[in-house]
PDB file of N, CA and C in Angstrom:
ATOM      1  N   MET A   1      54.652  84.808  43.520  1.00  0.00           N
ATOM      2  CA  MET A   1      54.920  86.160  43.066  1.00  0.00           C
ATOM      3  C   MET A   1      54.978  87.085  44.274  1.00  0.00           C
ATOM      4  N   PHE A   2      56.051  87.838  44.341  1.00  0.00           N
ATOM      5  CA  PHE A   2      56.232  88.789  45.433  1.00  0.00           C
ATOM      6  C   PHE A   2      55.791  90.172  44.976  1.00  0.00           C
ATOM      7  N   ILE A   3      54.879  90.775  45.709  1.00  0.00           N
ATOM      8  CA  ILE A   3      54.386  92.115  45.402  1.00  0.00           C
ATOM      9  C   ILE A   3      54.996  93.079  46.396  1.00  0.00           C
ATOM     10  N   ASP A   4      55.710  94.068  45.890  1.00  0.00           N
ATOM     11  CA  ASP A   4      56.392  95.025  46.761  1.00  0.00           C
ATOM     12  C   ASP A   4      55.563  96.294  46.893  1.00  0.00           C
ATOM     13  N   LEU A   5      54.671  96.277  47.871  1.00  0.00           N
ATOM     14  CA  LEU A   5      53.842  97.443  48.166  1.00  0.00           C
ATOM     15  C   LEU A   5      53.925  97.729  49.660  1.00  0.00           C
ATOM     16  N   PRO A   6      53.965  99.002  50.036  1.00  0.00           N
ATOM     17  CA  PRO A   6      53.986  99.325  51.470  1.00  0.00           C
ATOM     18  C   PRO A   6      52.646  98.966  52.114  1.00  0.00           C
ATOM     19  N   GLU A   7      52.678  98.720  53.404  1.00  0.00           N
ATOM     20  CA  GLU A   7      51.445  98.414  54.134  1.00  0.00           C
ATOM     21  C   GLU A   7      50.601  99.675  54.265  1.00  0.00           C
ATOM     22  N   LYS A   8      49.410  99.626  53.698  1.00  0.00           N
ATOM     23  CA  LYS A   8      48.455 100.709  53.901  1.00  0.00           C
ATOM     24  C   LYS A   8      47.061 100.187  53.629  1.00  0.00           C
ATOM     25  N   ARG A   9      46.066 100.991  53.932  1.00  0.00           N
ATOM     26  CA  ARG A   9      44.676 100.547  53.836  1.00  0.00           C
ATOM     27  C   ARG A   9      44.207 100.435  52.377  1.00  0.00           C
ATOM     28  N   TYR A  10      44.516 101.439  51.560  1.00  0.00           N
ATOM     29  CA  TYR A  10      44.053 101.460  50.183  1.00  0.00           C
ATOM     30  C   TYR A  10      45.206 101.727  49.218  1.00  0.00           C
ATOM     31  N   TYR A  11      45.114 101.119  48.049  1.00  0.00           N
ATOM     32  CA  TYR A  11      46.106 101.299  46.994  1.00  0.00           C
ATOM     33  C   TYR A  11      45.402 101.794  45.737  1.00  0.00           C
ATOM     34  N   LYS A  12      46.020 102.747  45.059  1.00  0.00           N
ATOM     35  CA  LYS A  12      45.471 103.241  43.796  1.00  0.00           C
ATOM     36  C   LYS A  12      45.760 102.229  42.702  1.00  0.00           C
ATOM     37  N   ILE A  13      44.973 102.284  41.653  1.00  0.00           N
ATOM     38  CA  ILE A  13      45.099 101.304  40.583  1.00  0.00           C
ATOM     39  C   ILE A  13      46.481 101.359  39.922  1.00  0.00           C
ATOM     40  N   GLY A  14      47.074 102.540  39.832  1.00  0.00           N
ATOM     41  CA  GLY A  14      48.408 102.661  39.249  1.00  0.00           C
ATOM     42  C   GLY A  14      49.461 101.929  40.068  1.00  0.00           C
ATOM     43  N   GLU A  15      49.348 102.027  41.382  1.00  0.00           N
ATOM     44  CA  GLU A  15      50.272 101.322  42.277  1.00  0.00           C
ATOM     45  C   GLU A  15      50.134  99.810  42.111  1.00  0.00           C
ATOM     46  N   VAL A  16      48.893  99.363  42.043  1.00  0.00           N
ATOM     47  CA  VAL A  16      48.621  97.934  41.916  1.00  0.00           C
ATOM     48  C   VAL A  16      49.131  97.420  40.576  1.00  0.00           C
ATOM     49  N   ALA A  17      48.840  98.142  39.518  1.00  0.00           N
ATOM     50  CA  ALA A  17      49.267  97.720  38.186  1.00  0.00           C
ATOM     51  C   ALA A  17      50.789  97.635  38.113  1.00  0.00           C
ATOM     52  N   LYS A  18      51.464  98.617  38.653  1.00  0.00           N
ATOM     53  CA  LYS A  18      52.929  98.629  38.637  1.00  0.00           C
ATOM     54  C   LYS A  18      53.482  97.445  39.429  1.00  0.00           C
ATOM     55  N   ALA A  19      52.904  97.164  40.586  1.00  0.00           N
ATOM     56  CA  ALA A  19      53.370  96.063  41.432  1.00  0.00           C
ATOM     57  C   ALA A  19      53.215  94.715  40.725  1.00  0.00           C
ATOM     58  N   PHE A  20      52.166  94.568  39.935  1.00  0.00           N
ATOM     59  CA  PHE A  20      51.920  93.313  39.227  1.00  0.00           C
ATOM     60  C   PHE A  20      52.562  93.283  37.845  1.00  0.00           C
ATOM     61  N   GLY A  21      53.094  94.413  37.407  1.00  0.00           N
ATOM     62  CA  GLY A  21      53.696  94.475  36.079  1.00  0.00           C
ATOM     63  C   GLY A  21      52.654  94.431  34.975  1.00  0.00           C
ATOM     64  N   LEU A  22      51.496  95.007  35.251  1.00  0.00           N
ATOM     65  CA  LEU A  22      50.390  95.021  34.292  1.00  0.00           C
ATOM     66  C   LEU A  22      49.971  96.457  34.005  1.00  0.00           C
ATOM     67  N   ASN A  23      49.188  96.639  32.957  1.00  0.00           N
ATOM     68  CA  ASN A  23      48.595  97.945  32.665  1.00  0.00           C
ATOM     69  C   ASN A  23      47.363  98.144  33.541  1.00  0.00           C
ATOM     70  N   THR A  24      47.012  99.399  33.779  1.00  0.00           N
ATOM     71  CA  THR A  24      45.800  99.667  34.557  1.00  0.00           C
ATOM     72  C   THR A  24      44.566  99.116  33.836  1.00  0.00           C
ATOM     73  N   SER A  25      44.584  99.131  32.509  1.00  0.00           N
ATOM     74  CA  SER A  25      43.439  98.596  31.763  1.00  0.00           C
ATOM     75  C   SER A  25      43.290  97.093  31.995  1.00  0.00           C
ATOM     76  N   HIS A  26      44.409  96.426  32.183  1.00  0.00           N
ATOM     77  CA  HIS A  26      44.398  94.990  32.468  1.00  0.00           C
ATOM     78  C   HIS A  26      43.708  94.734  33.813  1.00  0.00           C
ATOM     79  N   ILE A  27      44.039  95.540  34.799  1.00  0.00           N
ATOM     80  CA  ILE A  27      43.426  95.401  36.126  1.00  0.00           C
ATOM     81  C   ILE A  27      41.924  95.672  36.030  1.00  0.00           C
ATOM     82  N   ARG A  28      41.546  96.725  35.312  1.00  0.00           N
ATOM     83  CA  ARG A  28      40.116  97.042  35.153  1.00  0.00           C
ATOM     84  C   ARG A  28      39.390  95.912  34.434  1.00  0.00           C
ATOM     85  N   PHE A  29      40.031  95.307  33.433  1.00  0.00           N
ATOM     86  CA  PHE A  29      39.424  94.202  32.694  1.00  0.00           C
ATOM     87  C   PHE A  29      39.192  93.012  33.625  1.00  0.00           C
ATOM     88  N   TRP A  30      40.198  92.670  34.428  1.00  0.00           N
ATOM     89  CA  TRP A  30      40.029  91.562  35.365  1.00  0.00           C
ATOM     90  C   TRP A  30      38.932  91.870  36.371  1.00  0.00           C
ATOM     91  N   GLU A  31      38.801  93.127  36.757  1.00  0.00           N
ATOM     92  CA  GLU A  31      37.744  93.520  37.695  1.00  0.00           C
ATOM     93  C   GLU A  31      36.371  93.196  37.104  1.00  0.00           C
ATOM     94  N   LYS A  32      36.209  93.446  35.806  1.00  0.00           N
ATOM     95  CA  LYS A  32      34.933  93.147  35.148  1.00  0.00           C
ATOM     96  C   LYS A  32      34.708  91.647  35.006  1.00  0.00           C
ATOM     97  N   GLU A  33      35.784  90.909  34.802  1.00  0.00           N
ATOM     98  CA  GLU A  33      35.682  89.473  34.545  1.00  0.00           C
ATOM     99  C   GLU A  33      35.510  88.622  35.803  1.00  0.00           C
ATOM    100  N   PHE A  34      36.092  89.057  36.910  1.00  0.00           N
ATOM    101  CA  PHE A  34      36.086  88.249  38.127  1.00  0.00           C
ATOM    102  C   PHE A  34      35.271  88.930  39.221  1.00  0.00           C
ATOM    103  N   ASP A  35      34.285  88.204  39.731  1.00  0.00           N
ATOM    104  CA  ASP A  35      33.382  88.731  40.761  1.00  0.00           C
ATOM    105  C   ASP A  35      34.087  88.988  42.086  1.00  0.00           C
ATOM    106  N   ILE A  36      35.206  88.296  42.333  1.00  0.00           N
ATOM    107  CA  ILE A  36      35.866  88.456  43.635  1.00  0.00           C
ATOM    108  C   ILE A  36      36.626  89.779  43.742  1.00  0.00           C
ATOM    109  N   LEU A  37      36.834  90.462  42.625  1.00  0.00           N
ATOM    110  CA  LEU A  37      37.503  91.771  42.666  1.00  0.00           C
ATOM    111  C   LEU A  37      36.455  92.860  42.810  1.00  0.00           C
ATOM    112  N   LYS A  38      36.472  93.518  43.941  1.00  0.00           N
ATOM    113  CA  LYS A  38      35.509  94.583  44.202  1.00  0.00           C
ATOM    114  C   LYS A  38      36.203  95.766  44.870  1.00  0.00           C
ATOM    115  N   PRO A  39      37.046  96.487  44.113  1.00  0.00           N
ATOM    116  CA  PRO A  39      37.694  97.643  44.741  1.00  0.00           C
ATOM    117  C   PRO A  39      36.662  98.717  45.065  1.00  0.00           C
ATOM    118  N   LYS A  40      36.952  99.448  46.113  1.00  0.00           N
ATOM    119  CA  LYS A  40      36.078 100.567  46.475  1.00  0.00           C
ATOM    120  C   LYS A  40      36.347 101.703  45.501  1.00  0.00           C
ATOM    121  N   LYS A  41      35.393 102.603  45.373  1.00  0.00           N
ATOM    122  CA  LYS A  41      35.588 103.773  44.520  1.00  0.00           C
ATOM    123  C   LYS A  41      35.314 105.022  45.344  1.00  0.00           C
ATOM    124  N   ASN A  42      36.183 106.021  45.172  1.00  0.00           N
ATOM    125  CA  ASN A  42      35.980 107.277  45.898  1.00  0.00           C
ATOM    126  C   ASN A  42      34.975 108.142  45.135  1.00  0.00           C
ATOM    127  N   ASN A  43      34.742 109.354  45.597  1.00  0.00           N
ATOM    128  CA  ASN A  43      33.750 110.242  44.975  1.00  0.00           C
ATOM    129  C   ASN A  43      34.069 110.549  43.519  1.00  0.00           C
ATOM    130  N   LYS A  44      35.354 110.550  43.183  1.00  0.00           N
ATOM    131  CA  LYS A  44      35.758 110.810  41.790  1.00  0.00           C
ATOM    132  C   LYS A  44      35.643 109.574  40.912  1.00  0.00           C
ATOM    133  N   GLY A  45      35.399 108.419  41.524  1.00  0.00           N
ATOM    134  CA  GLY A  45      35.304 107.179  40.770  1.00  0.00           C
ATOM    135  C   GLY A  45      36.625 106.434  40.667  1.00  0.00           C
ATOM    136  N   ASN A  46      37.660 106.898  41.373  1.00  0.00           N
ATOM    137  CA  ASN A  46      38.952 106.212  41.356  1.00  0.00           C
ATOM    138  C   ASN A  46      38.863 104.928  42.166  1.00  0.00           C
ATOM    139  N   ARG A  47      39.470 103.878  41.638  1.00  0.00           N
ATOM    140  CA  ARG A  47      39.459 102.595  42.322  1.00  0.00           C
ATOM    141  C   ARG A  47      40.472 102.604  43.461  1.00  0.00           C
ATOM    142  N   LEU A  48      40.048 102.042  44.591  1.00  0.00           N
ATOM    143  CA  LEU A  48      40.913 101.920  45.756  1.00  0.00           C
ATOM    144  C   LEU A  48      40.909 100.454  46.177  1.00  0.00           C
ATOM    145  N   PHE A  49      42.053  99.813  46.055  1.00  0.00           N
ATOM    146  CA  PHE A  49      42.176  98.392  46.320  1.00  0.00           C
ATOM    147  C   PHE A  49      42.613  98.144  47.763  1.00  0.00           C
ATOM    148  N   THR A  50      41.993  97.165  48.407  1.00  0.00           N
ATOM    149  CA  THR A  50      42.309  96.792  49.778  1.00  0.00           C
ATOM    150  C   THR A  50      43.289  95.606  49.764  1.00  0.00           C
ATOM    151  N   GLN A  51      43.743  95.209  50.945  1.00  0.00           N
ATOM    152  CA  GLN A  51      44.605  94.036  51.061  1.00  0.00           C
ATOM    153  C   GLN A  51      43.890  92.787  50.530  1.00  0.00           C
ATOM    154  N   GLU A  52      42.594  92.687  50.785  1.00  0.00           N
ATOM    155  CA  GLU A  52      41.817  91.539  50.295  1.00  0.00           C
ATOM    156  C   GLU A  52      41.773  91.534  48.772  1.00  0.00           C
ATOM    157  N   ASP A  53      41.627  92.711  48.166  1.00  0.00           N
ATOM    158  CA  ASP A  53      41.655  92.804  46.709  1.00  0.00           C
ATOM    159  C   ASP A  53      43.005  92.350  46.164  1.00  0.00           C
ATOM    160  N   LEU A  54      44.077  92.717  46.852  1.00  0.00           N
ATOM    161  CA  LEU A  54      45.417  92.307  46.418  1.00  0.00           C
ATOM    162  C   LEU A  54      45.571  90.791  46.491  1.00  0.00           C
ATOM    163  N   LYS A  55      45.041  90.175  47.544  1.00  0.00           N
ATOM    164  CA  LYS A  55      45.096  88.713  47.654  1.00  0.00           C
ATOM    165  C   LYS A  55      44.361  88.064  46.485  1.00  0.00           C
ATOM    166  N   ASN A  56      43.191  88.609  46.156  1.00  0.00           N
ATOM    167  CA  ASN A  56      42.416  88.062  45.049  1.00  0.00           C
ATOM    168  C   ASN A  56      43.120  88.289  43.715  1.00  0.00           C
ATOM    169  N   LEU A  57      43.745  89.444  43.551  1.00  0.00           N
ATOM    170  CA  LEU A  57      44.510  89.701  42.325  1.00  0.00           C
ATOM    171  C   LEU A  57      45.690  88.753  42.207  1.00  0.00           C
ATOM    172  N   LYS A  58      46.360  88.476  43.315  1.00  0.00           N
ATOM    173  CA  LYS A  58      47.474  87.524  43.294  1.00  0.00           C
ATOM    174  C   LYS A  58      46.985  86.153  42.855  1.00  0.00           C
ATOM    175  N   LEU A  59      45.823  85.765  43.345  1.00  0.00           N
ATOM    176  CA  LEU A  59      45.245  84.472  42.983  1.00  0.00           C
ATOM    177  C   LEU A  59      44.924  84.419  41.492  1.00  0.00           C
ATOM    178  N   ILE A  60      44.306  85.463  40.983  1.00  0.00           N
ATOM    179  CA  ILE A  60      43.983  85.527  39.556  1.00  0.00           C
ATOM    180  C   ILE A  60      45.261  85.521  38.731  1.00  0.00           C
ATOM    181  N   TYR A  61      46.231  86.330  39.139  1.00  0.00           N
ATOM    182  CA  TYR A  61      47.512  86.394  38.434  1.00  0.00           C
ATOM    183  C   TYR A  61      48.164  85.015  38.407  1.00  0.00           C
ATOM    184  N   TYR A  62      48.152  84.339  39.545  1.00  0.00           N
ATOM    185  CA  TYR A  62      48.744  83.005  39.639  1.00  0.00           C
ATOM    186  C   TYR A  62      48.093  82.044  38.640  1.00  0.00           C
ATOM    187  N   LEU A  63      46.760  82.011  38.637  1.00  0.00           N
ATOM    188  CA  LEU A  63      46.059  81.079  37.747  1.00  0.00           C
ATOM    189  C   LEU A  63      46.260  81.424  36.275  1.00  0.00           C
ATOM    190  N   VAL A  64      46.155  82.707  35.944  1.00  0.00           N
ATOM    191  CA  VAL A  64      46.187  83.111  34.533  1.00  0.00           C
ATOM    192  C   VAL A  64      47.615  83.223  33.995  1.00  0.00           C
ATOM    193  N   LYS A  65      48.465  83.923  34.704  1.00  0.00           N
ATOM    194  CA  LYS A  65      49.806  84.208  34.198  1.00  0.00           C
ATOM    195  C   LYS A  65      50.828  83.114  34.503  1.00  0.00           C
ATOM    196  N   GLU A  66      50.721  82.500  35.680  1.00  0.00           N
ATOM    197  CA  GLU A  66      51.724  81.515  36.066  1.00  0.00           C
ATOM    198  C   GLU A  66      51.317  80.089  35.719  1.00  0.00           C
ATOM    199  N   LYS A  67      50.040  79.762  35.898  1.00  0.00           N
ATOM    200  CA  LYS A  67      49.578  78.402  35.601  1.00  0.00           C
ATOM    201  C   LYS A  67      49.039  78.267  34.181  1.00  0.00           C
ATOM    202  N   GLY A  68      48.789  79.373  33.486  1.00  0.00           N
ATOM    203  CA  GLY A  68      48.376  79.333  32.091  1.00  0.00           C
ATOM    204  C   GLY A  68      46.904  79.075  31.841  1.00  0.00           C
ATOM    205  N   PHE A  69      46.070  79.293  32.845  1.00  0.00           N
ATOM    206  CA  PHE A  69      44.633  79.135  32.648  1.00  0.00           C
ATOM    207  C   PHE A  69      44.105  80.260  31.764  1.00  0.00           C
ATOM    208  N   THR A  70      43.076  79.963  30.991  1.00  0.00           N
ATOM    209  CA  THR A  70      42.345  81.026  30.301  1.00  0.00           C
ATOM    210  C   THR A  70      41.509  81.738  31.364  1.00  0.00           C
ATOM    211  N   LEU A  71      40.936  82.878  31.017  1.00  0.00           N
ATOM    212  CA  LEU A  71      40.082  83.569  31.987  1.00  0.00           C
ATOM    213  C   LEU A  71      38.894  82.698  32.368  1.00  0.00           C
ATOM    214  N   GLU A  72      38.302  82.052  31.377  1.00  0.00           N
ATOM    215  CA  GLU A  72      37.167  81.171  31.660  1.00  0.00           C
ATOM    216  C   GLU A  72      37.597  80.000  32.531  1.00  0.00           C
ATOM    217  N   GLY A  73      38.749  79.424  32.223  1.00  0.00           N
ATOM    218  CA  GLY A  73      39.262  78.314  33.017  1.00  0.00           C
ATOM    219  C   GLY A  73      39.535  78.726  34.455  1.00  0.00           C
ATOM    220  N   ALA A  74      40.088  79.916  34.633  1.00  0.00           N
ATOM    221  CA  ALA A  74      40.358  80.427  35.980  1.00  0.00           C
ATOM    222  C   ALA A  74      39.054  80.644  36.745  1.00  0.00           C
ATOM    223  N   LYS A  75      38.054  81.186  36.062  1.00  0.00           N
ATOM    224  CA  LYS A  75      36.750  81.399  36.714  1.00  0.00           C
ATOM    225  C   LYS A  75      36.156  80.069  37.164  1.00  0.00           C
ATOM    226  N   ILE A  76      36.214  79.077  36.273  1.00  0.00           N
ATOM    227  CA  ILE A  76      35.659  77.758  36.598  1.00  0.00           C
ATOM    228  C   ILE A  76      36.414  77.143  37.766  1.00  0.00           C
ATOM    229  N   LYS A  77      37.723  77.209  37.720  1.00  0.00           N
ATOM    230  CA  LYS A  77      38.558  76.643  38.790  1.00  0.00           C
ATOM    231  C   LYS A  77      38.223  77.287  40.132  1.00  0.00           C
ATOM    232  N   MET A  78      38.042  78.595  40.128  1.00  0.00           N
ATOM    233  CA  MET A  78      37.758  79.312  41.363  1.00  0.00           C
ATOM    234  C   MET A  78      36.338  79.039  41.871  1.00  0.00           C
ATOM    235  N   LYS A  79      35.407  78.754  40.971  1.00  0.00           N
ATOM    236  CA  LYS A  79      34.034  78.471  41.394  1.00  0.00           C
ATOM    237  C   LYS A  79      33.872  77.031  41.868  1.00  0.00           C
ATOM    238  N   GLU A  80      34.614  76.093  41.240  1.00  0.00           N
ATOM    239  CA  GLU A  80      34.489  74.681  41.599  1.00  0.00           C
ATOM    240  C   GLU A  80      34.885  74.435  43.052  1.00  0.00           C
ATOM    241  N   ASN A  81      36.044  74.933  43.414  1.00  0.00           N
ATOM    242  CA  ASN A  81      36.542  74.693  44.768  1.00  0.00           C
ATOM    243  C   ASN A  81      37.409  75.864  45.203  1.00  0.00           C
ATOM    244  N   PRO A  82      36.790  76.996  45.528  1.00  0.00           N
ATOM    245  CA  PRO A  82      37.572  78.195  45.842  1.00  0.00           C
ATOM    246  C   PRO A  82      38.495  78.032  47.049  1.00  0.00           C
ATOM    247  N   LYS A  83      38.059  77.258  48.031  1.00  0.00           N
ATOM    248  CA  LYS A  83      38.883  77.073  49.224  1.00  0.00           C
ATOM    249  C   LYS A  83      40.176  76.336  48.882  1.00  0.00           C
ATOM    250  N   ALA A  84      40.088  75.303  48.072  1.00  0.00           N
ATOM    251  CA  ALA A  84      41.273  74.534  47.688  1.00  0.00           C
ATOM    252  C   ALA A  84      42.230  75.382  46.860  1.00  0.00           C
ATOM    253  N   VAL A  85      41.695  76.177  45.952  1.00  0.00           N
ATOM    254  CA  VAL A  85      42.530  77.046  45.120  1.00  0.00           C
ATOM    255  C   VAL A  85      43.271  78.045  45.998  1.00  0.00           C
ATOM    256  N   LYS A  86      42.560  78.657  46.938  1.00  0.00           N
ATOM    257  CA  LYS A  86      43.190  79.633  47.838  1.00  0.00           C
ATOM    258  C   LYS A  86      44.233  78.970  48.734  1.00  0.00           C
ATOM    259  N   ASN A  87      43.915  77.779  49.239  1.00  0.00           N
ATOM    260  CA  ASN A  87      44.865  77.064  50.092  1.00  0.00           C
ATOM    261  C   ASN A  87      46.124  76.685  49.317  1.00  0.00           C
ATOM    262  N   ASN A  88      45.950  76.160  48.115  1.00  0.00           N
ATOM    263  CA  ASN A  88      47.105  75.797  47.288  1.00  0.00           C
ATOM    264  C   ASN A  88      47.955  77.013  46.984  1.00  0.00           C
ATOM    265  N   HIS A  89      47.320  78.113  46.657  1.00  0.00           N
ATOM    266  CA  HIS A  89      48.060  79.333  46.355  1.00  0.00           C
ATOM    267  C   HIS A  89      48.796  79.834  47.591  1.00  0.00           C
ATOM    268  N   ALA A  90      48.166  79.753  48.748  1.00  0.00           N
ATOM    269  CA  ALA A  90      48.813  80.187  49.990  1.00  0.00           C
ATOM    270  C   ALA A  90      50.040  79.334  50.288  1.00  0.00           C
ATOM    271  N   ILE A  91      49.934  78.033  50.059  1.00  0.00           N
ATOM    272  CA  ILE A  91      51.069  77.137  50.288  1.00  0.00           C
ATOM    273  C   ILE A  91      52.210  77.468  49.335  1.00  0.00           C
ATOM    274  N   ILE A  92      51.895  77.659  48.076  1.00  0.00           N
ATOM    275  CA  ILE A  92      52.925  77.990  47.082  1.00  0.00           C
ATOM    276  C   ILE A  92      53.589  79.315  47.413  1.00  0.00           C
ATOM    277  N   THR A  93      52.790  80.301  47.803  1.00  0.00           N
ATOM    278  CA  THR A  93      53.338  81.610  48.169  1.00  0.00           C
ATOM    279  C   THR A  93      54.288  81.483  49.345  1.00  0.00           C
ATOM    280  N   ARG A  94      53.905  80.706  50.346  1.00  0.00           N
ATOM    281  CA  ARG A  94      54.768  80.525  51.529  1.00  0.00           C
ATOM    282  C   ARG A  94      56.056  79.793  51.157  1.00  0.00           C
ATOM    283  N   LEU A  95      55.946  78.769  50.315  1.00  0.00           N
ATOM    284  CA  LEU A  95      57.131  78.039  49.877  1.00  0.00           C
ATOM    285  C   LEU A  95      58.086  78.937  49.089  1.00  0.00           C
ATOM    286  N   GLU A  96      57.531  79.822  48.265  1.00  0.00           N
ATOM    287  CA  GLU A  96      58.377  80.761  47.516  1.00  0.00           C
ATOM    288  C   GLU A  96      59.095  81.714  48.465  1.00  0.00           C
ATOM    289  N   ALA A  97      58.416  82.139  49.517  1.00  0.00           N
ATOM    290  CA  ALA A  97      59.043  83.023  50.499  1.00  0.00           C
ATOM    291  C   ALA A  97      60.165  82.291  51.231  1.00  0.00           C
ATOM    292  N   ILE A  98      59.932  81.028  51.580  1.00  0.00           N
ATOM    293  CA  ILE A  98      60.968  80.230  52.245  1.00  0.00           C
ATOM    294  C   ILE A  98      62.161  80.050  51.318  1.00  0.00           C
ATOM    295  N   LYS A  99      61.892  79.770  50.058  1.00  0.00           N
ATOM    296  CA  LYS A  99      62.966  79.616  49.078  1.00  0.00           C
ATOM    297  C   LYS A  99      63.801  80.891  48.994  1.00  0.00           C
ATOM    298  N   GLU A 100      63.130  82.025  48.957  1.00  0.00           N
ATOM    299  CA  GLU A 100      63.826  83.310  48.895  1.00  0.00           C
ATOM    300  C   GLU A 100      64.693  83.527  50.132  1.00  0.00           C
ATOM    301  N   GLU A 101      64.171  83.170  51.299  1.00  0.00           N
ATOM    302  CA  GLU A 101      64.946  83.291  52.533  1.00  0.00           C
ATOM    303  C   GLU A 101      66.183  82.398  52.493  1.00  0.00           C
ATOM    304  N   LEU A 102      66.010  81.178  52.020  1.00  0.00           N
ATOM    305  CA  LEU A 102      67.138  80.247  51.940  1.00  0.00           C
ATOM    306  C   LEU A 102      68.204  80.734  50.956  1.00  0.00           C
ATOM    307  N   ILE A 103      67.775  81.302  49.851  1.00  0.00           N
ATOM    308  CA  ILE A 103      68.724  81.848  48.881  1.00  0.00           C
ATOM    309  C   ILE A 103      69.502  83.002  49.503  1.00  0.00           C
ATOM    310  N   ASN A 104      68.812  83.858  50.243  1.00  0.00           N
ATOM    311  CA  ASN A 104      69.490  84.967  50.923  1.00  0.00           C
ATOM    312  C   ASN A 104      70.506  84.458  51.934  1.00  0.00           C
ATOM    313  N   ILE A 105      70.156  83.429  52.696  1.00  0.00           N
ATOM    314  CA  ILE A 105      71.074  82.847  53.664  1.00  0.00           C
ATOM    315  C   ILE A 105      72.297  82.254  52.956  1.00  0.00           C
ATOM    316  N   LYS A 106      72.038  81.543  51.874  1.00  0.00           N
ATOM    317  CA  LYS A 106      73.142  80.948  51.104  1.00  0.00           C
ATOM    318  C   LYS A 106      74.082  82.034  50.580  1.00  0.00           C
ATOM    319  N   ASN A 107      73.503  83.112  50.059  1.00  0.00           N
ATOM    320  CA  ASN A 107      74.319  84.214  49.536  1.00  0.00           C
ATOM    321  C   ASN A 107      75.145  84.868  50.637  1.00  0.00           C
ATOM    322  N   GLN A 108      74.600  84.966  51.822  1.00  0.00           N
ATOM    323  CA  GLN A 108      75.345  85.539  52.945  1.00  0.00           C
ATOM    324  C   GLN A 108      76.510  84.636  53.361  1.00  0.00           C
ATOM    325  N   ILE A 109      76.281  83.340  53.306  1.00  0.00           N
ATOM    326  CA  ILE A 109      77.324  82.381  53.668  1.00  0.00           C
ATOM    327  C   ILE A 109      78.448  82.396  52.619  1.00  0.00           C
ATOM    328  N   ASP A 110      78.072  82.514  51.349  1.00  0.00           N
ATOM    329  CA  ASP A 110      79.051  82.499  50.252  1.00  0.00           C
ATOM    330  C   ASP A 110      79.947  83.732  50.229  1.00  0.00           C
ATOM    331  N   THR A 111      79.471  84.840  50.782  1.00  0.00           N
ATOM    332  CA  THR A 111      80.278  86.061  50.706  1.00  0.00           C
ATOM    333  C   THR A 111      81.201  86.224  51.869  1.00  0.00           C
TER     334      THR A 111
END
């Protein structure tokens, strides 16, 4: 999954939800369900997500939305062997990026 967000230190929950195609309530729910999501909160209580939070959200999204795990199944998978899950997700993400690059090259050659 490709997330189109500009490089910056913190992202508001609305930006994150839009990038993932989810509701803000969905993001807040996952925050309660998964210990690895720990966005910072400003004085007003607004959530501010870091790059690390985005990586963790991508991982959760991958397990739940793309692989079809239940929330409980995703939690168990991440607790059993978190390093392997992260490594597998990183490999898949890189392969998807390579695929996208190859498609772009092919399209340039075809035109």
